[in-house]
Amino acid sequence: MINHSDYFRSYDIQYINDLTEEIRQSARVTIIRVNKLITALQQNEIALQINPRYDSVVNSGWRPPAINAAIPTAALASKHMLGQACDLHDPGGDIDEWCMTHQNELSEIGLWLEHPSATKNWCHVQTVAPRSGRRVFYP
């Protein structure tokens, strides 16, 4: 399971002026839904891997604008900046594969998946629908 520290790292302290109550509330929802996904993965014997760089299964949770801007591949309006997205460490693609074949479960949890072809080594999920409205979407 992930917790507040996994999701925020220390950005909630370092960039406190960027962290609104609305973002905090969105992040709470994201953490709850990602933990439901993790539970489903574990029930289906999908092993989660810790990213040694962060000592967590979370590659990226909340990103303040300055951090998001420093990531070359990040969307300018990334849902990470709103506390509505989470990237899970997925070097073997096992999480992405499970999500692709269990889209009904993703729907029940309330998550949308960025297509695995765009997320090598991580699985991006978010708590809001993309513009396309599709459960699995391309950035």
Protein backbone atom coordinates (compact mmCIF):
# COMPACT_ATOMS: atom_id res chain seq x y z
CA MET A 1 0.00 0.00 0.00
CA ILE A 2 1.07 3.57 -0.54
CA ASN A 3 0.81 6.39 1.95
CA HIS A 4 1.08 10.16 2.12
CA SER A 5 4.90 10.08 2.16
CA ASP A 6 5.07 7.82 -0.90
CA TYR A 7 2.74 10.10 -2.84
CA PHE A 8 4.12 13.50 -1.84
CA ARG A 9 7.72 12.63 -1.02
CA SER A 10 8.82 15.87 0.64
CA TYR A 11 7.30 18.13 -2.01
CA ASP A 12 4.41 18.92 0.34
CA ILE A 13 6.97 20.57 2.63
CA GLN A 14 9.39 22.00 0.07
CA TYR A 15 6.64 23.42 -2.14
CA ILE A 16 3.98 24.09 0.48
CA ASN A 17 2.89 27.32 -1.25
CA ASP A 18 1.89 25.29 -4.33
CA LEU A 19 -0.15 22.76 -2.35
CA THR A 20 -3.77 23.87 -2.06
CA GLU A 21 -6.51 22.21 -0.02
CA GLU A 22 -8.14 21.12 -3.29
CA ILE A 23 -4.94 19.33 -4.32
CA ARG A 24 -4.71 17.69 -0.88
CA GLN A 25 -8.28 16.41 -1.21
CA SER A 26 -7.64 15.12 -4.73
CA ALA A 27 -4.47 13.40 -3.53
CA ARG A 28 -6.41 11.65 -0.74
CA VAL A 29 -8.81 10.26 -3.35
CA THR A 30 -5.90 9.22 -5.58
CA ILE A 31 -4.12 7.40 -2.74
CA ILE A 32 -7.32 5.54 -1.80
CA ARG A 33 -7.98 4.46 -5.38
CA VAL A 34 -4.37 3.45 -6.04
CA ASN A 35 -4.47 1.36 -2.87
CA LYS A 36 -7.62 -0.36 -4.20
CA LEU A 37 -5.69 -1.09 -7.40
CA ILE A 38 -2.76 -2.44 -5.39
CA THR A 39 -5.13 -4.69 -3.45
CA ALA A 40 -6.59 -6.03 -6.71
CA LEU A 41 -3.10 -6.61 -8.09
CA GLN A 42 -2.03 -8.49 -4.97
CA GLN A 43 -5.19 -10.61 -5.05
CA ASN A 44 -4.23 -11.56 -8.60
CA GLU A 45 -0.66 -12.34 -7.54
CA ILE A 46 0.88 -9.42 -9.41
CA ALA A 47 4.11 -8.62 -7.59
CA LEU A 48 4.81 -4.95 -7.01
CA GLN A 49 8.40 -3.82 -7.31
CA ILE A 50 10.02 -1.11 -5.25
CA ASN A 51 11.86 1.56 -7.19
CA PRO A 52 15.20 1.72 -5.34
CA ARG A 53 15.61 5.38 -6.30
CA TYR A 54 12.57 6.31 -4.18
CA ASP A 55 12.27 3.24 -1.92
CA SER A 56 8.63 3.04 -2.99
CA VAL A 57 6.38 1.57 -5.65
CA VAL A 58 5.47 5.18 -6.51
CA ASN A 59 7.62 6.69 -9.24
CA SER A 60 5.68 9.94 -9.24
CA GLY A 61 2.78 11.28 -7.22
CA TRP A 62 2.04 14.97 -6.69
CA ARG A 63 4.30 17.27 -8.67
CA PRO A 64 4.53 20.98 -8.01
CA PRO A 65 4.73 23.04 -11.22
CA ALA A 66 8.50 23.56 -10.91
CA ILE A 67 9.14 19.82 -10.69
CA ASN A 68 6.72 19.05 -13.51
CA ALA A 69 8.40 21.66 -15.74
CA ALA A 70 11.78 19.98 -15.17
CA ILE A 71 10.53 16.64 -16.55
CA PRO A 72 11.01 16.68 -20.34
CA THR A 73 8.21 14.21 -21.07
CA ALA A 74 5.65 15.63 -18.61
CA ALA A 75 2.44 17.12 -19.94
CA LEU A 76 2.16 20.87 -19.40
CA ALA A 77 -1.21 20.35 -17.72
CA SER A 78 -0.26 17.10 -15.98
CA LYS A 79 -2.85 15.60 -13.63
CA HIS A 80 0.08 15.02 -11.24
CA MET A 81 0.08 18.77 -10.50
CA LEU A 82 -3.55 18.50 -9.36
CA GLY A 83 -3.04 15.43 -7.18
CA GLN A 84 -5.11 13.36 -9.61
CA ALA A 85 -2.46 10.97 -10.98
CA CYS A 86 0.08 8.43 -9.83
CA ASP A 87 2.86 6.55 -11.61
CA LEU A 88 3.65 3.11 -10.23
CA HIS A 89 7.02 1.46 -10.79
CA ASP A 90 6.39 -1.21 -13.43
CA PRO A 91 9.67 -2.22 -15.11
CA GLY A 92 8.28 -5.53 -16.40
CA GLY A 93 4.94 -4.13 -17.52
CA ASP A 94 2.99 -6.49 -15.24
CA ILE A 95 0.78 -3.75 -13.77
CA ASP A 96 0.04 -2.29 -17.20
CA GLU A 97 -0.77 -5.75 -18.56
CA TRP A 98 -3.17 -6.48 -15.71
CA CYS A 99 -4.86 -3.09 -16.13
CA MET A 100 -5.26 -3.58 -19.87
CA THR A 101 -7.00 -6.91 -19.35
CA HIS A 102 -9.07 -5.77 -16.35
CA GLN A 103 -10.56 -2.50 -17.51
CA ASN A 104 -13.88 -3.26 -15.79
CA GLU A 105 -12.04 -3.43 -12.47
CA LEU A 106 -10.30 -0.13 -13.27
CA SER A 107 -13.70 1.38 -13.91
CA GLU A 108 -15.04 0.06 -10.59
CA ILE A 109 -12.03 1.53 -8.79
CA GLY A 110 -12.41 4.84 -10.63
CA LEU A 111 -9.10 4.93 -12.47
CA TRP A 112 -8.06 5.66 -16.05
CA LEU A 113 -4.87 4.25 -17.58
CA GLU A 114 -2.41 5.94 -19.88
CA HIS A 115 -1.66 3.46 -22.66
CA PRO A 116 1.33 1.26 -21.77
CA SER A 117 3.05 2.11 -25.06
CA ALA A 118 3.54 5.63 -23.67
CA THR A 119 4.71 4.55 -20.21
CA LYS A 120 7.68 2.22 -20.45
CA ASN A 121 8.78 1.08 -16.98
CA TRP A 122 5.87 2.70 -15.15
CA CYS A 123 2.09 2.55 -15.02
CA HIS A 124 0.25 5.89 -15.06
CA VAL A 125 -3.23 5.96 -13.56
CA GLN A 126 -5.43 8.95 -12.86
CA THR A 127 -8.70 9.61 -11.08
CA VAL A 128 -10.28 11.79 -13.76
CA ALA A 129 -11.29 10.91 -17.29
CA PRO A 130 -9.12 12.18 -20.13
CA ARG A 131 -10.66 14.34 -22.85
CA SER A 132 -11.37 11.22 -24.91
CA GLY A 133 -13.32 9.67 -22.04
CA ARG A 134 -11.67 6.33 -22.78
CA ARG A 135 -10.60 4.09 -19.89
CA VAL A 136 -7.25 3.58 -21.64
CA PHE A 137 -5.95 6.68 -23.36
CA TYR A 138 -2.98 8.07 -25.24
CA PRO A 139 -1.34 11.25 -23.94
